[in-house]
Amino acid sequence: QAVDRVHRIGQKSTVFVYRMVTAGTIEERIQALQASKKDLFNKVVGGLGGDFDLSRHFSSLHELVQLTTTQEETEPVV
């Protein structure tokens, strides 16, 4: 939102946005949480060439779904 306030349509000049955070505040904790979520996203999506094995994750997820699915749910209704 802060970036959008200064970088409007038609803006020709370079815009710099500095985020100042005071140590020991809730803002610092929020910034750390955002950074960890961004890092996790990059690992899952492969944005920065992370070594996260997506196929292993989805195969274990598939096994979990199979464990929670009952026989009645898998049989077609006629």
PDB file of N, CA and C in Angstrom:
ATOM      1  N   GLN A   1       0.823  -1.185   0.000  1.00  0.00           N
ATOM      2  CA  GLN A   1       0.000   0.000   0.000  1.00  0.00           C
ATOM      3  C   GLN A   1       0.876   1.261   0.000  1.00  0.00           C
ATOM      4  N   ALA A   2       1.938   1.244   0.772  1.00  0.00           N
ATOM      5  CA  ALA A   2       2.828   2.404   0.819  1.00  0.00           C
ATOM      6  C   ALA A   2       3.467   2.653  -0.538  1.00  0.00           C
ATOM      7  N   VAL A   3       3.814   1.585  -1.234  1.00  0.00           N
ATOM      8  CA  VAL A   3       4.426   1.725  -2.556  1.00  0.00           C
ATOM      9  C   VAL A   3       3.420   2.311  -3.535  1.00  0.00           C
ATOM     10  N   ASP A   4       2.181   1.857  -3.480  1.00  0.00           N
ATOM     11  CA  ASP A   4       1.153   2.352  -4.392  1.00  0.00           C
ATOM     12  C   ASP A   4       0.858   3.831  -4.181  1.00  0.00           C
ATOM     13  N   ARG A   5       1.019   4.323  -2.973  1.00  0.00           N
ATOM     14  CA  ARG A   5       0.756   5.741  -2.698  1.00  0.00           C
ATOM     15  C   ARG A   5       1.735   6.649  -3.436  1.00  0.00           C
ATOM     16  N   VAL A   6       2.975   6.227  -3.554  1.00  0.00           N
ATOM     17  CA  VAL A   6       3.977   7.089  -4.185  1.00  0.00           C
ATOM     18  C   VAL A   6       4.252   6.726  -5.638  1.00  0.00           C
ATOM     19  N   HIS A   7       3.949   5.512  -6.035  1.00  0.00           N
ATOM     20  CA  HIS A   7       4.224   5.077  -7.408  1.00  0.00           C
ATOM     21  C   HIS A   7       2.906   4.975  -8.162  1.00  0.00           C
ATOM     22  N   ARG A   8       2.443   6.104  -8.662  1.00  0.00           N
ATOM     23  CA  ARG A   8       1.171   6.182  -9.374  1.00  0.00           C
ATOM     24  C   ARG A   8       1.364   5.914 -10.866  1.00  0.00           C
ATOM     25  N   ILE A   9       0.241   5.711 -11.560  1.00  0.00           N
ATOM     26  CA  ILE A   9       0.281   5.553 -13.016  1.00  0.00           C
ATOM     27  C   ILE A   9       0.869   6.827 -13.616  1.00  0.00           C
ATOM     28  N   GLY A  10       1.806   6.662 -14.512  1.00  0.00           N
ATOM     29  CA  GLY A  10       2.446   7.803 -15.149  1.00  0.00           C
ATOM     30  C   GLY A  10       3.695   8.282 -14.435  1.00  0.00           C
ATOM     31  N   GLN A  11       4.031   7.673 -13.334  1.00  0.00           N
ATOM     32  CA  GLN A  11       5.228   8.058 -12.574  1.00  0.00           C
ATOM     33  C   GLN A  11       6.456   7.772 -13.428  1.00  0.00           C
ATOM     34  N   LYS A  12       7.277   8.769 -13.645  1.00  0.00           N
ATOM     35  CA  LYS A  12       8.465   8.616 -14.492  1.00  0.00           C
ATOM     36  C   LYS A  12       9.737   8.431 -13.673  1.00  0.00           C
ATOM     37  N   SER A  13       9.762   8.950 -12.462  1.00  0.00           N
ATOM     38  CA  SER A  13      10.965   8.895 -11.630  1.00  0.00           C
ATOM     39  C   SER A  13      11.041   7.584 -10.867  1.00  0.00           C
ATOM     40  N   THR A  14      12.251   7.203 -10.506  1.00  0.00           N
ATOM     41  CA  THR A  14      12.462   6.019  -9.679  1.00  0.00           C
ATOM     42  C   THR A  14      11.934   6.290  -8.278  1.00  0.00           C
ATOM     43  N   VAL A  15      11.271   5.302  -7.712  1.00  0.00           N
ATOM     44  CA  VAL A  15      10.686   5.448  -6.381  1.00  0.00           C
ATOM     45  C   VAL A  15      11.390   4.486  -5.433  1.00  0.00           C
ATOM     46  N   PHE A  16      11.793   4.974  -4.279  1.00  0.00           N
ATOM     47  CA  PHE A  16      12.393   4.149  -3.234  1.00  0.00           C
ATOM     48  C   PHE A  16      11.464   4.152  -2.029  1.00  0.00           C
ATOM     49  N   VAL A  17      11.208   2.979  -1.480  1.00  0.00           N
ATOM     50  CA  VAL A  17      10.388   2.866  -0.274  1.00  0.00           C
ATOM     51  C   VAL A  17      11.251   2.213   0.794  1.00  0.00           C
ATOM     52  N   TYR A  18      11.392   2.881   1.913  1.00  0.00           N
ATOM     53  CA  TYR A  18      12.175   2.364   3.037  1.00  0.00           C
ATOM     54  C   TYR A  18      11.219   1.982   4.156  1.00  0.00           C
ATOM     55  N   ARG A  19      11.377   0.801   4.678  1.00  0.00           N
ATOM     56  CA  ARG A  19      10.554   0.350   5.803  1.00  0.00           C
ATOM     57  C   ARG A  19      11.405   0.417   7.059  1.00  0.00           C
ATOM     58  N   MET A  20      10.974   1.248   7.984  1.00  0.00           N
ATOM     59  CA  MET A  20      11.698   1.394   9.245  1.00  0.00           C
ATOM     60  C   MET A  20      10.918   0.675  10.332  1.00  0.00           C
ATOM     61  N   VAL A  21      11.602  -0.249  10.999  1.00  0.00           N
ATOM     62  CA  VAL A  21      10.962  -1.069  12.027  1.00  0.00           C
ATOM     63  C   VAL A  21      11.765  -0.945  13.310  1.00  0.00           C
ATOM     64  N   THR A  22      11.067  -0.685  14.400  1.00  0.00           N
ATOM     65  CA  THR A  22      11.712  -0.571  15.703  1.00  0.00           C
ATOM     66  C   THR A  22      11.870  -1.954  16.317  1.00  0.00           C
ATOM     67  N   ALA A  23      13.039  -2.221  16.871  1.00  0.00           N
ATOM     68  CA  ALA A  23      13.319  -3.524  17.488  1.00  0.00           C
ATOM     69  C   ALA A  23      12.410  -3.748  18.693  1.00  0.00           C
ATOM     70  N   GLY A  24      11.962  -5.002  18.835  1.00  0.00           N
ATOM     71  CA  GLY A  24      11.158  -5.389  19.986  1.00  0.00           C
ATOM     72  C   GLY A  24       9.697  -4.998  19.896  1.00  0.00           C
ATOM     73  N   THR A  25       9.213  -4.681  18.695  1.00  0.00           N
ATOM     74  CA  THR A  25       7.812  -4.290  18.535  1.00  0.00           C
ATOM     75  C   THR A  25       7.051  -5.352  17.760  1.00  0.00           C
ATOM     76  N   ILE A  26       5.727  -5.207  17.729  1.00  0.00           N
ATOM     77  CA  ILE A  26       4.888  -6.141  16.975  1.00  0.00           C
ATOM     78  C   ILE A  26       5.215  -6.051  15.482  1.00  0.00           C
ATOM     79  N   GLU A  27       5.579  -4.853  15.007  1.00  0.00           N
ATOM     80  CA  GLU A  27       5.935  -4.696  13.599  1.00  0.00           C
ATOM     81  C   GLU A  27       7.144  -5.549  13.231  1.00  0.00           C
ATOM     82  N   GLU A  28       8.097  -5.660  14.152  1.00  0.00           N
ATOM     83  CA  GLU A  28       9.269  -6.498  13.907  1.00  0.00           C
ATOM     84  C   GLU A  28       8.859  -7.964  13.791  1.00  0.00           C
ATOM     85  N   ARG A  29       7.958  -8.401  14.656  1.00  0.00           N
ATOM     86  CA  ARG A  29       7.483  -9.787  14.591  1.00  0.00           C
ATOM     87  C   ARG A  29       6.701 -10.040  13.308  1.00  0.00           C
ATOM     88  N   ILE A  30       5.884  -9.075  12.890  1.00  0.00           N
ATOM     89  CA  ILE A  30       5.117  -9.221  11.648  1.00  0.00           C
ATOM     90  C   ILE A  30       6.063  -9.293  10.455  1.00  0.00           C
ATOM     91  N   GLN A  31       7.090  -8.440  10.438  1.00  0.00           N
ATOM     92  CA  GLN A  31       8.059  -8.459   9.342  1.00  0.00           C
ATOM     93  C   GLN A  31       8.792  -9.794   9.280  1.00  0.00           C
ATOM     94  N   ALA A  32       9.156 -10.352  10.433  1.00  0.00           N
ATOM     95  CA  ALA A  32       9.830 -11.653  10.466  1.00  0.00           C
ATOM     96  C   ALA A  32       8.904 -12.751   9.962  1.00  0.00           C
ATOM     97  N   LEU A  33       7.628 -12.691  10.337  1.00  0.00           N
ATOM     98  CA  LEU A  33       6.654 -13.678   9.871  1.00  0.00           C
ATOM     99  C   LEU A  33       6.475 -13.587   8.361  1.00  0.00           C
ATOM    100  N   GLN A  34       6.387 -12.367   7.835  1.00  0.00           N
ATOM    101  CA  GLN A  34       6.261 -12.189   6.390  1.00  0.00           C
ATOM    102  C   GLN A  34       7.482 -12.740   5.660  1.00  0.00           C
ATOM    103  N   ALA A  35       8.651 -12.508   6.210  1.00  0.00           N
ATOM    104  CA  ALA A  35       9.879 -13.007   5.581  1.00  0.00           C
ATOM    105  C   ALA A  35       9.908 -14.528   5.566  1.00  0.00           C
ATOM    106  N   SER A  36       9.471 -15.162   6.665  1.00  0.00           N
ATOM    107  CA  SER A  36       9.478 -16.628   6.696  1.00  0.00           C
ATOM    108  C   SER A  36       8.440 -17.201   5.737  1.00  0.00           C
ATOM    109  N   LYS A  37       7.286 -16.539   5.606  1.00  0.00           N
ATOM    110  CA  LYS A  37       6.268 -17.002   4.653  1.00  0.00           C
ATOM    111  C   LYS A  37       6.746 -16.828   3.216  1.00  0.00           C
ATOM    112  N   LYS A  38       7.437 -15.737   2.949  1.00  0.00           N
ATOM    113  CA  LYS A  38       7.975 -15.517   1.605  1.00  0.00           C
ATOM    114  C   LYS A  38       9.023 -16.570   1.275  1.00  0.00           C
ATOM    115  N   ASP A  39       9.863 -16.901   2.248  1.00  0.00           N
ATOM    116  CA  ASP A  39      10.879 -17.935   2.058  1.00  0.00           C
ATOM    117  C   ASP A  39      10.231 -19.288   1.781  1.00  0.00           C
ATOM    118  N   LEU A  40       9.195 -19.631   2.538  1.00  0.00           N
ATOM    119  CA  LEU A  40       8.483 -20.890   2.323  1.00  0.00           C
ATOM    120  C   LEU A  40       7.851 -20.919   0.938  1.00  0.00           C
ATOM    121  N   PHE A  41       7.231 -19.817   0.528  1.00  0.00           N
ATOM    122  CA  PHE A  41       6.624 -19.731  -0.799  1.00  0.00           C
ATOM    123  C   PHE A  41       7.669 -19.957  -1.884  1.00  0.00           C
ATOM    124  N   ASN A  42       8.822 -19.313  -1.750  1.00  0.00           N
ATOM    125  CA  ASN A  42       9.881 -19.479  -2.749  1.00  0.00           C
ATOM    126  C   ASN A  42      10.386 -20.913  -2.810  1.00  0.00           C
ATOM    127  N   LYS A  43      10.428 -21.604  -1.672  1.00  0.00           N
ATOM    128  CA  LYS A  43      10.856 -23.004  -1.673  1.00  0.00           C
ATOM    129  C   LYS A  43       9.820 -23.888  -2.353  1.00  0.00           C
ATOM    130  N   VAL A  44       8.541 -23.643  -2.081  1.00  0.00           N
ATOM    131  CA  VAL A  44       7.479 -24.475  -2.664  1.00  0.00           C
ATOM    132  C   VAL A  44       7.362 -24.224  -4.159  1.00  0.00           C
ATOM    133  N   VAL A  45       7.370 -22.983  -4.557  1.00  0.00           N
ATOM    134  CA  VAL A  45       7.193 -22.639  -5.962  1.00  0.00           C
ATOM    135  C   VAL A  45       8.495 -22.787  -6.740  1.00  0.00           C
ATOM    136  N   GLY A  46       9.614 -22.749  -6.050  1.00  0.00           N
ATOM    137  CA  GLY A  46      10.901 -22.880  -6.721  1.00  0.00           C
ATOM    138  C   GLY A  46      11.419 -21.563  -7.245  1.00  0.00           C
ATOM    139  N   GLY A  47      10.974 -20.466  -6.662  1.00  0.00           N
ATOM    140  CA  GLY A  47      11.347 -19.139  -7.130  1.00  0.00           C
ATOM    141  C   GLY A  47      12.839 -18.884  -7.115  1.00  0.00           C
ATOM    142  N   LEU A  48      13.546 -19.381  -6.112  1.00  0.00           N
ATOM    143  CA  LEU A  48      14.981 -19.120  -6.019  1.00  0.00           C
ATOM    144  C   LEU A  48      15.791 -20.403  -6.137  1.00  0.00           C
ATOM    145  N   GLY A  49      15.206 -21.422  -6.758  1.00  0.00           N
ATOM    146  CA  GLY A  49      15.931 -22.665  -6.968  1.00  0.00           C
ATOM    147  C   GLY A  49      16.101 -23.482  -5.709  1.00  0.00           C
ATOM    148  N   GLY A  50      15.110 -23.453  -4.831  1.00  0.00           N
ATOM    149  CA  GLY A  50      15.182 -24.225  -3.596  1.00  0.00           C
ATOM    150  C   GLY A  50      15.204 -25.716  -3.871  1.00  0.00           C
ATOM    151  N   ASP A  51      15.670 -26.508  -2.921  1.00  0.00           N
ATOM    152  CA  ASP A  51      15.762 -27.955  -3.103  1.00  0.00           C
ATOM    153  C   ASP A  51      14.589 -28.682  -2.452  1.00  0.00           C
ATOM    154  N   PHE A  52      13.438 -28.019  -2.365  1.00  0.00           N
ATOM    155  CA  PHE A  52      12.244 -28.607  -1.778  1.00  0.00           C
ATOM    156  C   PHE A  52      11.676 -29.636  -2.751  1.00  0.00           C
ATOM    157  N   ASP A  53      11.513 -30.888  -2.306  1.00  0.00           N
ATOM    158  CA  ASP A  53      11.025 -31.966  -3.170  1.00  0.00           C
ATOM    159  C   ASP A  53       9.504 -31.966  -3.171  1.00  0.00           C
ATOM    160  N   LEU A  54       8.913 -31.310  -4.186  1.00  0.00           N
ATOM    161  CA  LEU A  54       7.467 -31.168  -4.271  1.00  0.00           C
ATOM    162  C   LEU A  54       6.781 -32.502  -4.516  1.00  0.00           C
ATOM    163  N   SER A  55       7.380 -33.403  -5.290  1.00  0.00           N
ATOM    164  CA  SER A  55       6.748 -34.693  -5.578  1.00  0.00           C
ATOM    165  C   SER A  55       6.596 -35.517  -4.305  1.00  0.00           C
ATOM    166  N   ARG A  56       7.575 -35.459  -3.427  1.00  0.00           N
ATOM    167  CA  ARG A  56       7.486 -36.189  -2.160  1.00  0.00           C
ATOM    168  C   ARG A  56       6.363 -35.620  -1.294  1.00  0.00           C
ATOM    169  N   HIS A  57       6.218 -34.300  -1.296  1.00  0.00           N
ATOM    170  CA  HIS A  57       5.160 -33.660  -0.515  1.00  0.00           C
ATOM    171  C   HIS A  57       3.792 -34.097  -1.010  1.00  0.00           C
ATOM    172  N   PHE A  58       3.582 -34.069  -2.336  1.00  0.00           N
ATOM    173  CA  PHE A  58       2.275 -34.406  -2.862  1.00  0.00           C
ATOM    174  C   PHE A  58       1.962 -35.894  -2.740  1.00  0.00           C
ATOM    175  N   SER A  59       2.961 -36.754  -2.805  1.00  0.00           N
ATOM    176  CA  SER A  59       2.681 -38.179  -2.630  1.00  0.00           C
ATOM    177  C   SER A  59       2.262 -38.458  -1.196  1.00  0.00           C
ATOM    178  N   SER A  60       2.885 -37.809  -0.219  1.00  0.00           N
ATOM    179  CA  SER A  60       2.466 -38.015   1.171  1.00  0.00           C
ATOM    180  C   SER A  60       1.099 -37.399   1.410  1.00  0.00           C
ATOM    181  N   LEU A  61       0.792 -36.298   0.747  1.00  0.00           N
ATOM    182  CA  LEU A  61      -0.531 -35.690   0.860  1.00  0.00           C
ATOM    183  C   LEU A  61      -1.588 -36.614   0.270  1.00  0.00           C
ATOM    184  N   HIS A  62      -1.267 -37.246  -0.857  1.00  0.00           N
ATOM    185  CA  HIS A  62      -2.191 -38.194  -1.485  1.00  0.00           C
ATOM    186  C   HIS A  62      -2.451 -39.384  -0.560  1.00  0.00           C
ATOM    187  N   GLU A  63      -1.402 -39.884   0.091  1.00  0.00           N
ATOM    188  CA  GLU A  63      -1.573 -40.990   1.039  1.00  0.00           C
ATOM    189  C   GLU A  63      -2.468 -40.580   2.201  1.00  0.00           C
ATOM    190  N   LEU A  64      -2.321 -39.367   2.675  1.00  0.00           N
ATOM    191  CA  LEU A  64      -3.153 -38.875   3.769  1.00  0.00           C
ATOM    192  C   LEU A  64      -4.617 -38.805   3.350  1.00  0.00           C
ATOM    193  N   VAL A  65      -4.878 -38.344   2.143  1.00  0.00           N
ATOM    194  CA  VAL A  65      -6.251 -38.271   1.645  1.00  0.00           C
ATOM    195  C   VAL A  65      -6.833 -39.670   1.517  1.00  0.00           C
ATOM    196  N   GLN A  66      -6.031 -40.620   1.051  1.00  0.00           N
ATOM    197  CA  GLN A  66      -6.508 -41.997   0.928  1.00  0.00           C
ATOM    198  C   GLN A  66      -6.864 -42.580   2.285  1.00  0.00           C
ATOM    199  N   LEU A  67      -6.116 -42.247   3.321  1.00  0.00           N
ATOM    200  CA  LEU A  67      -6.408 -42.753   4.659  1.00  0.00           C
ATOM    201  C   LEU A  67      -7.717 -42.210   5.202  1.00  0.00           C
ATOM    202  N   THR A  68      -8.069 -40.988   4.826  1.00  0.00           N
ATOM    203  CA  THR A  68      -9.282 -40.375   5.360  1.00  0.00           C
ATOM    204  C   THR A  68     -10.507 -40.636   4.500  1.00  0.00           C
ATOM    205  N   THR A  69     -10.323 -41.210   3.319  1.00  0.00           N
ATOM    206  CA  THR A  69     -11.443 -41.506   2.436  1.00  0.00           C
ATOM    207  C   THR A  69     -11.996 -42.887   2.763  1.00  0.00           C
ATOM    208  N   THR A  70     -13.310 -42.961   2.972  1.00  0.00           N
ATOM    209  CA  THR A  70     -13.931 -44.254   3.278  1.00  0.00           C
ATOM    210  C   THR A  70     -14.252 -44.992   1.986  1.00  0.00           C
ATOM    211  N   GLN A  71     -14.525 -46.261   2.110  1.00  0.00           N
ATOM    212  CA  GLN A  71     -14.859 -47.094   0.952  1.00  0.00           C
ATOM    213  C   GLN A  71     -16.128 -46.584   0.278  1.00  0.00           C
ATOM    214  N   GLU A  72     -17.099 -46.127   1.056  1.00  0.00           N
ATOM    215  CA  GLU A  72     -18.357 -45.644   0.489  1.00  0.00           C
ATOM    216  C   GLU A  72     -18.141 -44.427  -0.398  1.00  0.00           C
ATOM    217  N   GLU A  73     -17.198 -43.577  -0.038  1.00  0.00           N
ATOM    218  CA  GLU A  73     -16.937 -42.378  -0.821  1.00  0.00           C
ATOM    219  C   GLU A  73     -16.270 -42.701  -2.149  1.00  0.00           C
ATOM    220  N   THR A  74     -15.552 -43.810  -2.235  1.00  0.00           N
ATOM    221  CA  THR A  74     -14.838 -44.147  -3.460  1.00  0.00           C
ATOM    222  C   THR A  74     -15.689 -44.952  -4.434  1.00  0.00           C
ATOM    223  N   GLU A  75     -16.773 -45.566  -3.961  1.00  0.00           N
ATOM    224  CA  GLU A  75     -17.636 -46.346  -4.848  1.00  0.00           C
ATOM    225  C   GLU A  75     -18.586 -45.414  -5.591  1.00  0.00           C
ATOM    226  N   PRO A  76     -18.749 -45.612  -6.906  1.00  0.00           N
ATOM    227  CA  PRO A  76     -19.658 -44.749  -7.672  1.00  0.00           C
ATOM    228  C   PRO A  76     -21.118 -45.004  -7.293  1.00  0.00           C
ATOM    229  N   VAL A  77     -21.905 -43.949  -7.311  1.00  0.00           N
ATOM    230  CA  VAL A  77     -23.334 -44.060  -7.008  1.00  0.00           C
ATOM    231  C   VAL A  77     -24.055 -44.404  -8.293  1.00  0.00           C
ATOM    232  N   VAL A  78     -24.894 -45.467  -8.259  1.00  0.00           N
ATOM    233  CA  VAL A  78     -25.598 -45.916  -9.455  1.00  0.00           C
ATOM    234  C   VAL A  78     -27.063 -45.593  -9.345  1.00  0.00           C
TER     235      VAL A  78
END
